[in-house]
Amino acid sequence: MGPLEHLTGGGGSTGLPKTSTEQDGVPGTVFYQRMQSWLKITASYTGPIDGVPGTSTYAALQRAMRTYGYTGPVDGAMGPNSWRRFAAFLNDDTWD
């Protein structure tokens, strides 16, 4: 299952409710809970699964995106390039 499917609730049950991001495109608490859960599995995220992204969530996201072509710093600060790569990362189906 790719990150977008995991983050939006596709595939198997994760115990988290569906996210509204599928409907309105705006990431909310459930979206970030799903992200943190996925990052715990794939990118050594050790922070809470609370749906409140912070520096450790973003650093884990940047580490995860390295596998998929992200070349920026892993500093936990999401600048325009990190966000641009994240959008491409979510829509990249070539590695599913």
N, C-alpha and C. Protein backbone atom coordinates (compact mmCIF):
# COMPACT_ATOMS: atom_id res chain seq x y z
N MET A 1 0.84 -1.18 0.00
CA MET A 1 0.00 0.00 0.00
C MET A 1 0.89 1.24 0.00
N GLY A 2 0.66 2.14 -0.92
CA GLY A 2 1.43 3.37 -1.00
C GLY A 2 1.00 4.37 0.06
N PRO A 3 1.75 5.46 0.21
CA PRO A 3 1.45 6.42 1.26
C PRO A 3 0.07 7.06 1.12
N LEU A 4 -0.36 7.39 -0.08
CA LEU A 4 -1.65 8.04 -0.24
C LEU A 4 -2.77 7.11 0.19
N GLU A 5 -2.66 5.84 -0.19
CA GLU A 5 -3.69 4.87 0.22
C GLU A 5 -3.71 4.72 1.73
N HIS A 6 -2.54 4.67 2.34
CA HIS A 6 -2.47 4.53 3.79
C HIS A 6 -3.01 5.78 4.47
N LEU A 7 -2.61 6.94 3.99
CA LEU A 7 -3.01 8.19 4.63
C LEU A 7 -4.49 8.49 4.47
N THR A 8 -5.09 8.03 3.39
CA THR A 8 -6.51 8.33 3.16
C THR A 8 -7.43 7.19 3.54
N GLY A 9 -6.90 6.09 4.03
CA GLY A 9 -7.74 5.02 4.52
C GLY A 9 -7.99 3.89 3.55
N GLY A 10 -7.35 3.88 2.39
CA GLY A 10 -7.53 2.79 1.44
C GLY A 10 -6.88 1.52 1.96
N GLY A 11 -7.27 0.42 1.42
CA GLY A 11 -6.68 -0.85 1.82
C GLY A 11 -7.25 -1.36 3.12
N GLY A 12 -6.43 -2.03 3.92
CA GLY A 12 -6.88 -2.67 5.15
C GLY A 12 -7.21 -1.69 6.26
N SER A 13 -7.73 -2.22 7.33
CA SER A 13 -8.13 -1.43 8.48
C SER A 13 -6.91 -1.03 9.31
N THR A 14 -6.84 0.23 9.70
CA THR A 14 -5.75 0.70 10.54
C THR A 14 -6.24 1.09 11.92
N GLY A 15 -7.55 1.00 12.16
CA GLY A 15 -8.09 1.40 13.44
C GLY A 15 -8.35 2.90 13.53
N LEU A 16 -8.01 3.63 12.49
CA LEU A 16 -8.25 5.07 12.48
C LEU A 16 -9.47 5.37 11.61
N PRO A 17 -10.26 6.38 11.97
CA PRO A 17 -11.40 6.72 11.13
C PRO A 17 -10.96 7.28 9.78
N LYS A 18 -11.88 7.28 8.82
CA LYS A 18 -11.56 7.87 7.50
C LYS A 18 -11.20 9.34 7.68
N THR A 19 -10.37 9.83 6.78
CA THR A 19 -9.96 11.23 6.83
C THR A 19 -10.81 12.08 5.90
N SER A 20 -11.07 13.30 6.30
CA SER A 20 -11.85 14.22 5.46
C SER A 20 -11.02 14.75 4.30
N THR A 21 -9.72 14.52 4.31
CA THR A 21 -8.85 15.03 3.25
C THR A 21 -9.31 14.54 1.88
N GLU A 22 -9.87 13.34 1.82
CA GLU A 22 -10.38 12.81 0.56
C GLU A 22 -11.46 13.71 -0.02
N GLN A 23 -12.25 14.34 0.84
CA GLN A 23 -13.37 15.16 0.38
C GLN A 23 -13.02 16.63 0.16
N ASP A 24 -12.24 17.20 1.06
CA ASP A 24 -12.00 18.64 0.94
C ASP A 24 -10.56 19.01 0.60
N GLY A 25 -9.65 18.03 0.58
CA GLY A 25 -8.26 18.30 0.21
C GLY A 25 -7.45 18.98 1.28
N VAL A 26 -8.03 19.21 2.46
CA VAL A 26 -7.32 19.90 3.53
C VAL A 26 -6.90 18.88 4.58
N PRO A 27 -5.59 18.71 4.80
CA PRO A 27 -5.15 17.75 5.81
C PRO A 27 -5.65 18.14 7.20
N GLY A 28 -6.18 17.18 7.90
CA GLY A 28 -6.66 17.40 9.26
C GLY A 28 -6.02 16.41 10.22
N THR A 29 -6.57 16.33 11.42
CA THR A 29 -6.01 15.49 12.47
C THR A 29 -5.89 14.03 12.04
N VAL A 30 -6.94 13.48 11.44
CA VAL A 30 -6.91 12.07 11.06
C VAL A 30 -5.86 11.82 9.98
N PHE A 31 -5.75 12.74 9.03
CA PHE A 31 -4.72 12.63 7.99
C PHE A 31 -3.34 12.54 8.64
N TYR A 32 -3.08 13.45 9.59
CA TYR A 32 -1.77 13.46 10.23
C TYR A 32 -1.57 12.25 11.15
N GLN A 33 -2.64 11.73 11.77
CA GLN A 33 -2.51 10.50 12.54
C GLN A 33 -2.10 9.36 11.63
N ARG A 34 -2.72 9.28 10.46
CA ARG A 34 -2.37 8.24 9.50
C ARG A 34 -0.93 8.41 9.03
N MET A 35 -0.53 9.66 8.79
CA MET A 35 0.84 9.92 8.37
C MET A 35 1.81 9.45 9.45
N GLN A 36 1.55 9.84 10.69
CA GLN A 36 2.44 9.46 11.78
C GLN A 36 2.50 7.95 11.95
N SER A 37 1.38 7.28 11.79
CA SER A 37 1.34 5.82 11.87
C SER A 37 2.19 5.21 10.77
N TRP A 38 2.03 5.69 9.55
CA TRP A 38 2.81 5.20 8.41
C TRP A 38 4.30 5.48 8.61
N LEU A 39 4.64 6.67 9.12
CA LEU A 39 6.04 7.02 9.34
C LEU A 39 6.67 6.17 10.44
N LYS A 40 5.88 5.78 11.42
CA LYS A 40 6.39 4.90 12.47
C LYS A 40 6.83 3.58 11.86
N ILE A 41 6.07 3.10 10.88
CA ILE A 41 6.37 1.83 10.23
C ILE A 41 7.53 1.95 9.25
N THR A 42 7.59 3.05 8.51
CA THR A 42 8.54 3.15 7.40
C THR A 42 9.74 4.04 7.62
N ALA A 43 9.69 4.96 8.58
CA ALA A 43 10.77 5.95 8.66
C ALA A 43 11.26 6.21 10.08
N SER A 44 11.12 5.23 10.95
CA SER A 44 11.65 5.33 12.32
C SER A 44 11.08 6.51 13.10
N TYR A 45 9.84 6.89 12.82
CA TYR A 45 9.21 7.96 13.59
C TYR A 45 8.93 7.43 14.99
N THR A 46 9.32 8.18 16.01
CA THR A 46 9.14 7.74 17.39
C THR A 46 8.22 8.66 18.19
N GLY A 47 7.68 9.66 17.54
CA GLY A 47 6.81 10.59 18.23
C GLY A 47 5.41 10.03 18.43
N PRO A 48 4.52 10.85 19.00
CA PRO A 48 3.17 10.39 19.26
C PRO A 48 2.33 10.30 17.98
N ILE A 49 1.31 9.47 18.02
CA ILE A 49 0.33 9.37 16.93
C ILE A 49 -0.85 10.21 17.39
N ASP A 50 -0.66 11.53 17.38
CA ASP A 50 -1.67 12.44 17.92
C ASP A 50 -2.32 13.33 16.87
N GLY A 51 -1.85 13.24 15.63
CA GLY A 51 -2.43 14.05 14.57
C GLY A 51 -1.97 15.50 14.57
N VAL A 52 -0.97 15.80 15.39
CA VAL A 52 -0.42 17.14 15.46
C VAL A 52 1.02 17.08 14.95
N PRO A 53 1.23 17.43 13.67
CA PRO A 53 2.58 17.31 13.13
C PRO A 53 3.51 18.36 13.71
N GLY A 54 4.74 17.95 13.92
CA GLY A 54 5.77 18.86 14.40
C GLY A 54 7.09 18.51 13.75
N THR A 55 8.15 19.00 14.32
CA THR A 55 9.48 18.81 13.76
C THR A 55 9.82 17.34 13.56
N SER A 56 9.52 16.49 14.55
CA SER A 56 9.89 15.07 14.41
C SER A 56 9.03 14.38 13.35
N THR A 57 7.77 14.78 13.21
CA THR A 57 6.93 14.22 12.16
C THR A 57 7.48 14.61 10.79
N TYR A 58 7.80 15.88 10.63
CA TYR A 58 8.30 16.36 9.34
C TYR A 58 9.68 15.79 9.01
N ALA A 59 10.55 15.63 10.02
CA ALA A 59 11.87 15.03 9.76
C ALA A 59 11.70 13.58 9.29
N ALA A 60 10.80 12.83 9.93
CA ALA A 60 10.55 11.45 9.51
C ALA A 60 9.98 11.43 8.10
N LEU A 61 9.11 12.37 7.79
CA LEU A 61 8.56 12.46 6.43
C LEU A 61 9.66 12.73 5.42
N GLN A 62 10.56 13.64 5.74
CA GLN A 62 11.67 13.93 4.84
C GLN A 62 12.56 12.69 4.66
N ARG A 63 12.79 11.94 5.74
CA ARG A 63 13.58 10.69 5.63
C ARG A 63 12.87 9.70 4.73
N ALA A 64 11.57 9.56 4.90
CA ALA A 64 10.80 8.62 4.07
C ALA A 64 10.84 9.03 2.60
N MET A 65 10.78 10.32 2.35
CA MET A 65 10.77 10.80 0.96
C MET A 65 12.13 10.63 0.29
N ARG A 66 13.20 10.49 1.06
CA ARG A 66 14.54 10.25 0.48
C ARG A 66 14.51 9.00 -0.40
N THR A 67 13.79 7.99 0.04
CA THR A 67 13.67 6.75 -0.72
C THR A 67 13.01 6.99 -2.07
N TYR A 68 12.24 8.04 -2.17
CA TYR A 68 11.46 8.32 -3.38
C TYR A 68 11.95 9.58 -4.10
N GLY A 69 13.19 9.97 -3.89
CA GLY A 69 13.77 11.04 -4.68
C GLY A 69 13.90 12.39 -4.03
N TYR A 70 13.50 12.55 -2.78
CA TYR A 70 13.67 13.83 -2.10
C TYR A 70 15.15 14.04 -1.82
N THR A 71 15.68 15.21 -2.20
CA THR A 71 17.10 15.48 -2.03
C THR A 71 17.39 16.65 -1.10
N GLY A 72 16.35 17.22 -0.52
CA GLY A 72 16.54 18.35 0.39
C GLY A 72 17.02 17.90 1.75
N PRO A 73 17.17 18.86 2.66
CA PRO A 73 17.66 18.53 4.00
C PRO A 73 16.62 17.75 4.80
N VAL A 74 17.10 16.96 5.75
CA VAL A 74 16.23 16.29 6.72
C VAL A 74 16.38 17.07 8.01
N ASP A 75 15.61 18.15 8.11
CA ASP A 75 15.74 19.05 9.25
C ASP A 75 14.42 19.27 9.99
N GLY A 76 13.35 18.66 9.52
CA GLY A 76 12.06 18.81 10.18
C GLY A 76 11.36 20.12 9.88
N ALA A 77 11.94 20.92 8.98
CA ALA A 77 11.32 22.19 8.57
C ALA A 77 10.82 22.02 7.14
N MET A 78 9.50 22.07 6.98
CA MET A 78 8.91 21.87 5.66
C MET A 78 8.83 23.21 4.92
N GLY A 79 9.78 23.41 4.03
CA GLY A 79 9.78 24.59 3.18
C GLY A 79 9.05 24.30 1.88
N PRO A 80 9.04 25.26 0.95
CA PRO A 80 8.33 25.08 -0.31
C PRO A 80 8.78 23.85 -1.10
N ASN A 81 10.07 23.58 -1.12
CA ASN A 81 10.56 22.41 -1.85
C ASN A 81 10.12 21.10 -1.21
N SER A 82 10.12 21.05 0.13
CA SER A 82 9.65 19.85 0.82
C SER A 82 8.17 19.61 0.54
N TRP A 83 7.37 20.67 0.60
CA TRP A 83 5.93 20.52 0.34
C TRP A 83 5.68 20.11 -1.11
N ARG A 84 6.43 20.68 -2.03
CA ARG A 84 6.28 20.32 -3.44
C ARG A 84 6.61 18.85 -3.67
N ARG A 85 7.70 18.38 -3.05
CA ARG A 85 8.07 16.97 -3.19
C ARG A 85 7.05 16.07 -2.50
N PHE A 86 6.51 16.53 -1.37
CA PHE A 86 5.50 15.74 -0.66
C PHE A 86 4.26 15.56 -1.53
N ALA A 87 3.81 16.60 -2.21
CA ALA A 87 2.66 16.49 -3.10
C ALA A 87 2.94 15.49 -4.21
N ALA A 88 4.15 15.55 -4.78
CA ALA A 88 4.51 14.60 -5.83
C ALA A 88 4.61 13.19 -5.26
N PHE A 89 5.13 13.06 -4.05
CA PHE A 89 5.27 11.80 -3.35
C PHE A 89 3.91 11.12 -3.17
N LEU A 90 2.91 11.89 -2.77
CA LEU A 90 1.57 11.33 -2.57
C LEU A 90 0.94 10.86 -3.87
N ASN A 91 1.27 11.52 -4.96
CA ASN A 91 0.66 11.18 -6.24
C ASN A 91 1.48 10.23 -7.09
N ASP A 92 2.64 9.81 -6.58
CA ASP A 92 3.54 8.92 -7.34
C ASP A 92 3.08 7.48 -7.18
N ASP A 93 2.56 6.90 -8.25
CA ASP A 93 2.11 5.51 -8.18
C ASP A 93 3.11 4.55 -8.84
N THR A 94 4.28 5.02 -9.18
CA THR A 94 5.24 4.16 -9.88
C THR A 94 5.90 3.16 -8.95
N TRP A 95 5.81 3.36 -7.63
CA TRP A 95 6.49 2.45 -6.71
C TRP A 95 5.51 1.56 -5.94
N ASP A 96 4.21 1.63 -6.24
CA ASP A 96 3.22 0.76 -5.57
C ASP A 96 3.45 -0.69 -5.89
